[in-house]
Amino acid sequence: MDMTQKVLLGFLCFFLALALLRLFRAPLRLALKLLVNTLLGFAALYLVNLTSAVTGLALGLNLWNALAVGVLGLPGLVLLLALQWVL
């Protein structure tokens, strides 16, 4: 393989990677946003558990609770607290 073929192959790989990045930009952005919100949900659940000695409210620190709080936000946290209170 001579130098021209290597350069052309490099350009082809670059443009293919660029096209794939443009194609999957929206789903990657959505996945990143969901990941960040889930991490914030973990932080909110951790804060609730830190104050459980004072408030008497405690929730399990797991992926499903964090995902519910991450996706729904503050209403998700209230929903989990209400479910714990009812059940």
PDB file of N, CA and C in Angstrom:
ATOM      1  N   MET A   1       0.850  -1.157   0.000  1.00  0.00           N
ATOM      2  CA  MET A   1       0.000   0.000   0.000  1.00  0.00           C
ATOM      3  C   MET A   1       0.906   1.234   0.000  1.00  0.00           C
ATOM      4  N   ASP A   2       0.740   2.066  -1.009  1.00  0.00           N
ATOM      5  CA  ASP A   2       1.597   3.252  -1.076  1.00  0.00           C
ATOM      6  C   ASP A   2       0.983   4.403  -0.270  1.00  0.00           C
ATOM      7  N   MET A   3       1.683   5.504  -0.232  1.00  0.00           N
ATOM      8  CA  MET A   3       1.310   6.633   0.621  1.00  0.00           C
ATOM      9  C   MET A   3      -0.031   7.248   0.222  1.00  0.00           C
ATOM     10  N   THR A   4      -0.338   7.331  -1.066  1.00  0.00           N
ATOM     11  CA  THR A   4      -1.608   7.935  -1.506  1.00  0.00           C
ATOM     12  C   THR A   4      -2.795   7.104  -1.018  1.00  0.00           C
ATOM     13  N   GLN A   5      -2.678   5.807  -1.076  1.00  0.00           N
ATOM     14  CA  GLN A   5      -3.772   4.960  -0.612  1.00  0.00           C
ATOM     15  C   GLN A   5      -3.961   5.105   0.899  1.00  0.00           C
ATOM     16  N   LYS A   6      -2.883   5.235   1.638  1.00  0.00           N
ATOM     17  CA  LYS A   6      -2.980   5.415   3.083  1.00  0.00           C
ATOM     18  C   LYS A   6      -3.648   6.742   3.433  1.00  0.00           C
ATOM     19  N   VAL A   7      -3.301   7.799   2.694  1.00  0.00           N
ATOM     20  CA  VAL A   7      -3.903   9.110   2.933  1.00  0.00           C
ATOM     21  C   VAL A   7      -5.391   9.075   2.594  1.00  0.00           C
ATOM     22  N   LEU A   8      -5.739   8.468   1.472  1.00  0.00           N
ATOM     23  CA  LEU A   8      -7.147   8.358   1.085  1.00  0.00           C
ATOM     24  C   LEU A   8      -7.936   7.522   2.097  1.00  0.00           C
ATOM     25  N   LEU A   9      -7.330   6.444   2.585  1.00  0.00           N
ATOM     26  CA  LEU A   9      -7.989   5.626   3.592  1.00  0.00           C
ATOM     27  C   LEU A   9      -8.172   6.406   4.896  1.00  0.00           C
ATOM     28  N   GLY A  10      -7.209   7.218   5.252  1.00  0.00           N
ATOM     29  CA  GLY A  10      -7.312   8.068   6.436  1.00  0.00           C
ATOM     30  C   GLY A  10      -8.448   9.071   6.300  1.00  0.00           C
ATOM     31  N   PHE A  11      -8.551   9.725   5.123  1.00  0.00           N
ATOM     32  CA  PHE A  11      -9.648  10.666   4.883  1.00  0.00           C
ATOM     33  C   PHE A  11     -10.996   9.958   4.925  1.00  0.00           C
ATOM     34  N   LEU A  12     -11.062   8.775   4.350  1.00  0.00           N
ATOM     35  CA  LEU A  12     -12.303   8.006   4.344  1.00  0.00           C
ATOM     36  C   LEU A  12     -12.720   7.657   5.779  1.00  0.00           C
ATOM     37  N   CYS A  13     -11.770   7.206   6.594  1.00  0.00           N
ATOM     38  CA  CYS A  13     -12.077   6.881   7.997  1.00  0.00           C
ATOM     39  C   CYS A  13     -12.518   8.125   8.764  1.00  0.00           C
ATOM     40  N   PHE A  14     -11.867   9.251   8.516  1.00  0.00           N
ATOM     41  CA  PHE A  14     -12.233  10.493   9.192  1.00  0.00           C
ATOM     42  C   PHE A  14     -13.658  10.907   8.850  1.00  0.00           C
ATOM     43  N   PHE A  15     -14.005  10.879   7.574  1.00  0.00           N
ATOM     44  CA  PHE A  15     -15.343  11.296   7.172  1.00  0.00           C
ATOM     45  C   PHE A  15     -16.408  10.290   7.611  1.00  0.00           C
ATOM     46  N   LEU A  16     -16.053   9.017   7.664  1.00  0.00           N
ATOM     47  CA  LEU A  16     -16.992   8.018   8.172  1.00  0.00           C
ATOM     48  C   LEU A  16     -17.257   8.238   9.660  1.00  0.00           C
ATOM     49  N   ALA A  17     -16.209   8.514  10.425  1.00  0.00           N
ATOM     50  CA  ALA A  17     -16.381   8.798  11.855  1.00  0.00           C
ATOM     51  C   ALA A  17     -17.200  10.065  12.060  1.00  0.00           C
ATOM     52  N   LEU A  18     -16.972  11.074  11.234  1.00  0.00           N
ATOM     53  CA  LEU A  18     -17.731  12.315  11.327  1.00  0.00           C
ATOM     54  C   LEU A  18     -19.210  12.084  11.011  1.00  0.00           C
ATOM     55  N   ALA A  19     -19.484  11.267   9.993  1.00  0.00           N
ATOM     56  CA  ALA A  19     -20.865  10.960   9.632  1.00  0.00           C
ATOM     57  C   ALA A  19     -21.560  10.178  10.745  1.00  0.00           C
ATOM     58  N   LEU A  20     -20.863   9.225  11.357  1.00  0.00           N
ATOM     59  CA  LEU A  20     -21.454   8.460  12.458  1.00  0.00           C
ATOM     60  C   LEU A  20     -21.725   9.342  13.671  1.00  0.00           C
ATOM     61  N   LEU A  21     -20.822  10.259  13.928  1.00  0.00           N
ATOM     62  CA  LEU A  21     -21.025  11.183  15.047  1.00  0.00           C
ATOM     63  C   LEU A  21     -22.243  12.068  14.808  1.00  0.00           C
ATOM     64  N   ARG A  22     -22.405  12.549  13.596  1.00  0.00           N
ATOM     65  CA  ARG A  22     -23.581  13.376  13.290  1.00  0.00           C
ATOM     66  C   ARG A  22     -24.859  12.557  13.342  1.00  0.00           C
ATOM     67  N   LEU A  23     -24.779  11.290  12.932  1.00  0.00           N
ATOM     68  CA  LEU A  23     -25.957  10.424  12.926  1.00  0.00           C
ATOM     69  C   LEU A  23     -26.424  10.105  14.342  1.00  0.00           C
ATOM     70  N   PHE A  24     -25.474   9.858  15.239  1.00  0.00           N
ATOM     71  CA  PHE A  24     -25.827   9.451  16.599  1.00  0.00           C
ATOM     72  C   PHE A  24     -25.716  10.586  17.610  1.00  0.00           C
ATOM     73  N   ARG A  25     -25.701  11.815  17.167  1.00  0.00           N
ATOM     74  CA  ARG A  25     -25.557  12.954  18.081  1.00  0.00           C
ATOM     75  C   ARG A  25     -26.734  13.064  19.039  1.00  0.00           C
ATOM     76  N   ALA A  26     -27.938  12.996  18.545  1.00  0.00           N
ATOM     77  CA  ALA A  26     -29.120  13.144  19.395  1.00  0.00           C
ATOM     78  C   ALA A  26     -29.261  11.988  20.395  1.00  0.00           C
ATOM     79  N   PRO A  27     -29.122  10.725  19.978  1.00  0.00           N
ATOM     80  CA  PRO A  27     -29.222   9.648  20.971  1.00  0.00           C
ATOM     81  C   PRO A  27     -28.097   9.702  22.013  1.00  0.00           C
ATOM     82  N   LEU A  28     -26.896  10.094  21.611  1.00  0.00           N
ATOM     83  CA  LEU A  28     -25.803  10.204  22.570  1.00  0.00           C
ATOM     84  C   LEU A  28     -26.055  11.327  23.557  1.00  0.00           C
ATOM     85  N   ARG A  29     -26.602  12.433  23.085  1.00  0.00           N
ATOM     86  CA  ARG A  29     -26.929  13.551  23.971  1.00  0.00           C
ATOM     87  C   ARG A  29     -28.003  13.136  24.974  1.00  0.00           C
ATOM     88  N   LEU A  30     -29.002  12.389  24.506  1.00  0.00           N
ATOM     89  CA  LEU A  30     -30.065  11.917  25.389  1.00  0.00           C
ATOM     90  C   LEU A  30     -29.516  10.943  26.433  1.00  0.00           C
ATOM     91  N   ALA A  31     -28.641  10.038  26.017  1.00  0.00           N
ATOM     92  CA  ALA A  31     -28.047   9.088  26.961  1.00  0.00           C
ATOM     93  C   ALA A  31     -27.176   9.810  27.988  1.00  0.00           C
ATOM     94  N   LEU A  32     -26.438  10.809  27.568  1.00  0.00           N
ATOM     95  CA  LEU A  32     -25.611  11.571  28.494  1.00  0.00           C
ATOM     96  C   LEU A  32     -26.466  12.346  29.490  1.00  0.00           C
ATOM     97  N   LYS A  33     -27.562  12.914  29.006  1.00  0.00           N
ATOM     98  CA  LYS A  33     -28.466  13.651  29.889  1.00  0.00           C
ATOM     99  C   LYS A  33     -29.095  12.710  30.917  1.00  0.00           C
ATOM    100  N   LEU A  34     -29.478  11.508  30.489  1.00  0.00           N
ATOM    101  CA  LEU A  34     -30.051  10.528  31.405  1.00  0.00           C
ATOM    102  C   LEU A  34     -29.022  10.089  32.444  1.00  0.00           C
ATOM    103  N   LEU A  35     -27.775   9.924  32.024  1.00  0.00           N
ATOM    104  CA  LEU A  35     -26.714   9.549  32.953  1.00  0.00           C
ATOM    105  C   LEU A  35     -26.476  10.638  33.992  1.00  0.00           C
ATOM    106  N   VAL A  36     -26.432  11.883  33.564  1.00  0.00           N
ATOM    107  CA  VAL A  36     -26.229  12.994  34.493  1.00  0.00           C
ATOM    108  C   VAL A  36     -27.402  13.099  35.464  1.00  0.00           C
ATOM    109  N   ASN A  37     -28.616  12.965  34.963  1.00  0.00           N
ATOM    110  CA  ASN A  37     -29.785  13.042  35.832  1.00  0.00           C
ATOM    111  C   ASN A  37     -29.819  11.886  36.833  1.00  0.00           C
ATOM    112  N   THR A  38     -29.386  10.708  36.412  1.00  0.00           N
ATOM    113  CA  THR A  38     -29.331   9.573  37.320  1.00  0.00           C
ATOM    114  C   THR A  38     -28.304   9.812  38.423  1.00  0.00           C
ATOM    115  N   LEU A  39     -27.160  10.384  38.060  1.00  0.00           N
ATOM    116  CA  LEU A  39     -26.152  10.704  39.073  1.00  0.00           C
ATOM    117  C   LEU A  39     -26.669  11.752  40.052  1.00  0.00           C
ATOM    118  N   LEU A  40     -27.415  12.731  39.540  1.00  0.00           N
ATOM    119  CA  LEU A  40     -28.033  13.712  40.437  1.00  0.00           C
ATOM    120  C   LEU A  40     -29.100  13.061  41.323  1.00  0.00           C
ATOM    121  N   GLY A  41     -29.785  12.061  40.795  1.00  0.00           N
ATOM    122  CA  GLY A  41     -30.752  11.307  41.597  1.00  0.00           C
ATOM    123  C   GLY A  41     -30.071  10.548  42.717  1.00  0.00           C
ATOM    124  N   PHE A  42     -28.904   9.943  42.412  1.00  0.00           N
ATOM    125  CA  PHE A  42     -28.128   9.287  43.460  1.00  0.00           C
ATOM    126  C   PHE A  42     -27.741  10.287  44.546  1.00  0.00           C
ATOM    127  N   ALA A  43     -27.329  11.475  44.140  1.00  0.00           N
ATOM    128  CA  ALA A  43     -26.933  12.498  45.112  1.00  0.00           C
ATOM    129  C   ALA A  43     -28.128  12.904  45.981  1.00  0.00           C
ATOM    130  N   ALA A  44     -29.298  13.066  45.376  1.00  0.00           N
ATOM    131  CA  ALA A  44     -30.492  13.440  46.138  1.00  0.00           C
ATOM    132  C   ALA A  44     -30.872  12.339  47.126  1.00  0.00           C
ATOM    133  N   LEU A  45     -30.802  11.089  46.697  1.00  0.00           N
ATOM    134  CA  LEU A  45     -31.114   9.985  47.603  1.00  0.00           C
ATOM    135  C   LEU A  45     -30.087   9.887  48.728  1.00  0.00           C
ATOM    136  N   TYR A  46     -28.844  10.158  48.416  1.00  0.00           N
ATOM    137  CA  TYR A  46     -27.802  10.146  49.441  1.00  0.00           C
ATOM    138  C   TYR A  46     -28.061  11.232  50.481  1.00  0.00           C
ATOM    139  N   LEU A  47     -28.473  12.417  50.010  1.00  0.00           N
ATOM    140  CA  LEU A  47     -28.786  13.504  50.947  1.00  0.00           C
ATOM    141  C   LEU A  47     -29.995  13.169  51.813  1.00  0.00           C
ATOM    142  N   VAL A  48     -30.983  12.517  51.234  1.00  0.00           N
ATOM    143  CA  VAL A  48     -32.151  12.096  52.019  1.00  0.00           C
ATOM    144  C   VAL A  48     -31.716  11.095  53.085  1.00  0.00           C
ATOM    145  N   ASN A  49     -30.832  10.173  52.710  1.00  0.00           N
ATOM    146  CA  ASN A  49     -30.375   9.179  53.682  1.00  0.00           C
ATOM    147  C   ASN A  49     -29.466   9.789  54.749  1.00  0.00           C
ATOM    148  N   LEU A  50     -28.742  10.855  54.402  1.00  0.00           N
ATOM    149  CA  LEU A  50     -27.917  11.528  55.400  1.00  0.00           C
ATOM    150  C   LEU A  50     -28.770  12.185  56.477  1.00  0.00           C
ATOM    151  N   THR A  51     -29.911  12.691  56.088  1.00  0.00           N
ATOM    152  CA  THR A  51     -30.790  13.376  57.037  1.00  0.00           C
ATOM    153  C   THR A  51     -31.829  12.447  57.645  1.00  0.00           C
ATOM    154  N   SER A  52     -31.710  11.155  57.419  1.00  0.00           N
ATOM    155  CA  SER A  52     -32.733  10.221  57.902  1.00  0.00           C
ATOM    156  C   SER A  52     -32.789  10.145  59.425  1.00  0.00           C
ATOM    157  N   ALA A  53     -31.676  10.390  60.106  1.00  0.00           N
ATOM    158  CA  ALA A  53     -31.701  10.356  61.574  1.00  0.00           C
ATOM    159  C   ALA A  53     -32.555  11.490  62.136  1.00  0.00           C
ATOM    160  N   VAL A  54     -32.562  12.623  61.443  1.00  0.00           N
ATOM    161  CA  VAL A  54     -33.321  13.781  61.913  1.00  0.00           C
ATOM    162  C   VAL A  54     -34.769  13.722  61.430  1.00  0.00           C
ATOM    163  N   THR A  55     -34.949  13.384  60.167  1.00  0.00           N
ATOM    164  CA  THR A  55     -36.289  13.438  59.567  1.00  0.00           C
ATOM    165  C   THR A  55     -37.073  12.138  59.691  1.00  0.00           C
ATOM    166  N   GLY A  56     -36.394  11.036  59.812  1.00  0.00           N
ATOM    167  CA  GLY A  56     -37.077   9.744  59.860  1.00  0.00           C
ATOM    168  C   GLY A  56     -37.412   9.202  58.482  1.00  0.00           C
ATOM    169  N   LEU A  57     -36.991   9.884  57.431  1.00  0.00           N
ATOM    170  CA  LEU A  57     -37.242   9.447  56.063  1.00  0.00           C
ATOM    171  C   LEU A  57     -35.985   8.789  55.516  1.00  0.00           C
ATOM    172  N   ALA A  58     -36.137   7.585  54.999  1.00  0.00           N
ATOM    173  CA  ALA A  58     -34.987   6.893  54.410  1.00  0.00           C
ATOM    174  C   ALA A  58     -35.453   6.130  53.184  1.00  0.00           C
ATOM    175  N   LEU A  59     -34.684   6.218  52.129  1.00  0.00           N
ATOM    176  CA  LEU A  59     -34.961   5.488  50.895  1.00  0.00           C
ATOM    177  C   LEU A  59     -33.738   4.663  50.538  1.00  0.00           C
ATOM    178  N   GLY A  60     -33.959   3.559  49.869  1.00  0.00           N
ATOM    179  CA  GLY A  60     -32.845   2.735  49.425  1.00  0.00           C
ATOM    180  C   GLY A  60     -32.033   3.452  48.354  1.00  0.00           C
ATOM    181  N   LEU A  61     -30.744   3.314  48.446  1.00  0.00           N
ATOM    182  CA  LEU A  61     -29.846   3.935  47.465  1.00  0.00           C
ATOM    183  C   LEU A  61     -29.520   2.891  46.413  1.00  0.00           C
ATOM    184  N   ASN A  62     -30.368   2.808  45.375  1.00  0.00           N
ATOM    185  CA  ASN A  62     -30.140   1.850  44.304  1.00  0.00           C
ATOM    186  C   ASN A  62     -30.404   2.505  42.956  1.00  0.00           C
ATOM    187  N   LEU A  63     -30.127   1.765  41.906  1.00  0.00           N
ATOM    188  CA  LEU A  63     -30.223   2.311  40.553  1.00  0.00           C
ATOM    189  C   LEU A  63     -31.654   2.695  40.189  1.00  0.00           C
ATOM    190  N   TRP A  64     -32.634   1.894  40.579  1.00  0.00           N
ATOM    191  CA  TRP A  64     -34.024   2.166  40.180  1.00  0.00           C
ATOM    192  C   TRP A  64     -34.560   3.420  40.849  1.00  0.00           C
ATOM    193  N   ASN A  65     -34.250   3.594  42.122  1.00  0.00           N
ATOM    194  CA  ASN A  65     -34.686   4.817  42.804  1.00  0.00           C
ATOM    195  C   ASN A  65     -33.982   6.038  42.209  1.00  0.00           C
ATOM    196  N   ALA A  66     -32.696   5.911  41.948  1.00  0.00           N
ATOM    197  CA  ALA A  66     -31.950   7.039  41.370  1.00  0.00           C
ATOM    198  C   ALA A  66     -32.462   7.363  39.976  1.00  0.00           C
ATOM    199  N   LEU A  67     -32.817   6.348  39.206  1.00  0.00           N
ATOM    200  CA  LEU A  67     -33.354   6.585  37.865  1.00  0.00           C
ATOM    201  C   LEU A  67     -34.713   7.273  37.944  1.00  0.00           C
ATOM    202  N   ALA A  68     -35.547   6.867  38.895  1.00  0.00           N
ATOM    203  CA  ALA A  68     -36.854   7.519  39.060  1.00  0.00           C
ATOM    204  C   ALA A  68     -36.682   8.977  39.458  1.00  0.00           C
ATOM    205  N   VAL A  69     -35.769   9.251  40.383  1.00  0.00           N
ATOM    206  CA  VAL A  69     -35.543  10.634  40.799  1.00  0.00           C
ATOM    207  C   VAL A  69     -34.857  11.415  39.676  1.00  0.00           C
ATOM    208  N   GLY A  70     -33.960  10.770  38.951  1.00  0.00           N
ATOM    209  CA  GLY A  70     -33.259  11.446  37.859  1.00  0.00           C
ATOM    210  C   GLY A  70     -34.176  11.812  36.709  1.00  0.00           C
ATOM    211  N   VAL A  71     -35.098  10.937  36.382  1.00  0.00           N
ATOM    212  CA  VAL A  71     -35.998  11.200  35.250  1.00  0.00           C
ATOM    213  C   VAL A  71     -37.129  12.139  35.664  1.00  0.00           C
ATOM    214  N   LEU A  72     -37.720  11.899  36.822  1.00  0.00           N
ATOM    215  CA  LEU A  72     -38.885  12.682  37.231  1.00  0.00           C
ATOM    216  C   LEU A  72     -38.532  13.918  38.046  1.00  0.00           C
ATOM    217  N   GLY A  73     -37.332  13.963  38.607  1.00  0.00           N
ATOM    218  CA  GLY A  73     -36.910  15.122  39.381  1.00  0.00           C
ATOM    219  C   GLY A  73     -37.496  15.094  40.779  1.00  0.00           C
ATOM    220  N   LEU A  74     -37.811  16.265  41.298  1.00  0.00           N
ATOM    221  CA  LEU A  74     -38.365  16.385  42.645  1.00  0.00           C
ATOM    222  C   LEU A  74     -39.692  15.637  42.797  1.00  0.00           C
ATOM    223  N   PRO A  75     -40.593  15.655  41.808  1.00  0.00           N
ATOM    224  CA  PRO A  75     -41.805  14.837  41.950  1.00  0.00           C
ATOM    225  C   PRO A  75     -41.500  13.345  42.070  1.00  0.00           C
ATOM    226  N   GLY A  76     -40.430  12.886  41.451  1.00  0.00           N
ATOM    227  CA  GLY A  76     -40.033  11.488  41.600  1.00  0.00           C
ATOM    228  C   GLY A  76     -39.594  11.171  43.007  1.00  0.00           C
ATOM    229  N   LEU A  77     -38.869  12.096  43.631  1.00  0.00           N
ATOM    230  CA  LEU A  77     -38.452  11.912  45.017  1.00  0.00           C
ATOM    231  C   LEU A  77     -39.669  11.890  45.943  1.00  0.00           C
ATOM    232  N   VAL A  78     -40.597  12.791  45.720  1.00  0.00           N
ATOM    233  CA  VAL A  78     -41.827  12.821  46.524  1.00  0.00           C
ATOM    234  C   VAL A  78     -42.637  11.554  46.293  1.00  0.00           C
ATOM    235  N   LEU A  79     -42.687  11.070  45.063  1.00  0.00           N
ATOM    236  CA  LEU A  79     -43.404   9.836  44.757  1.00  0.00           C
ATOM    237  C   LEU A  79     -42.799   8.649  45.499  1.00  0.00           C
ATOM    238  N   LEU A  80     -41.471   8.555  45.512  1.00  0.00           N
ATOM    239  CA  LEU A  80     -40.829   7.455  46.229  1.00  0.00           C
ATOM    240  C   LEU A  80     -41.072   7.549  47.734  1.00  0.00           C
ATOM    241  N   LEU A  81     -41.028   8.764  48.265  1.00  0.00           N
ATOM    242  CA  LEU A  81     -41.315   8.933  49.686  1.00  0.00           C
ATOM    243  C   LEU A  81     -42.761   8.576  50.010  1.00  0.00           C
ATOM    244  N   ALA A  82     -43.697   8.946  49.126  1.00  0.00           N
ATOM    245  CA  ALA A  82     -45.095   8.616  49.341  1.00  0.00           C
ATOM    246  C   ALA A  82     -45.314   7.105  49.241  1.00  0.00           C
ATOM    247  N   LEU A  83     -44.646   6.458  48.300  1.00  0.00           N
ATOM    248  CA  LEU A  83     -44.764   5.004  48.184  1.00  0.00           C
ATOM    249  C   LEU A  83     -44.224   4.303  49.420  1.00  0.00           C
ATOM    250  N   GLN A  84     -43.138   4.804  49.954  1.00  0.00           N
ATOM    251  CA  GLN A  84     -42.577   4.213  51.161  1.00  0.00           C
ATOM    252  C   GLN A  84     -43.529   4.412  52.342  1.00  0.00           C
ATOM    253  N   TRP A  85     -44.140   5.563  52.414  1.00  0.00           N
ATOM    254  CA  TRP A  85     -45.049   5.861  53.507  1.00  0.00           C
ATOM    255  C   TRP A  85     -46.298   4.978  53.428  1.00  0.00           C
ATOM    256  N   VAL A  86     -46.834   4.793  52.208  1.00  0.00           N
ATOM    257  CA  VAL A  86     -48.044   3.990  52.016  1.00  0.00           C
ATOM    258  C   VAL A  86     -47.754   2.517  52.219  1.00  0.00           C
ATOM    259  N   LEU A  87     -46.656   2.052  51.685  1.00  0.00           N
ATOM    260  CA  LEU A  87     -46.347   0.614  51.792  1.00  0.00           C
ATOM    261  C   LEU A  87     -45.590   0.370  53.058  1.00  0.00           C
TER     262      LEU A  87
END
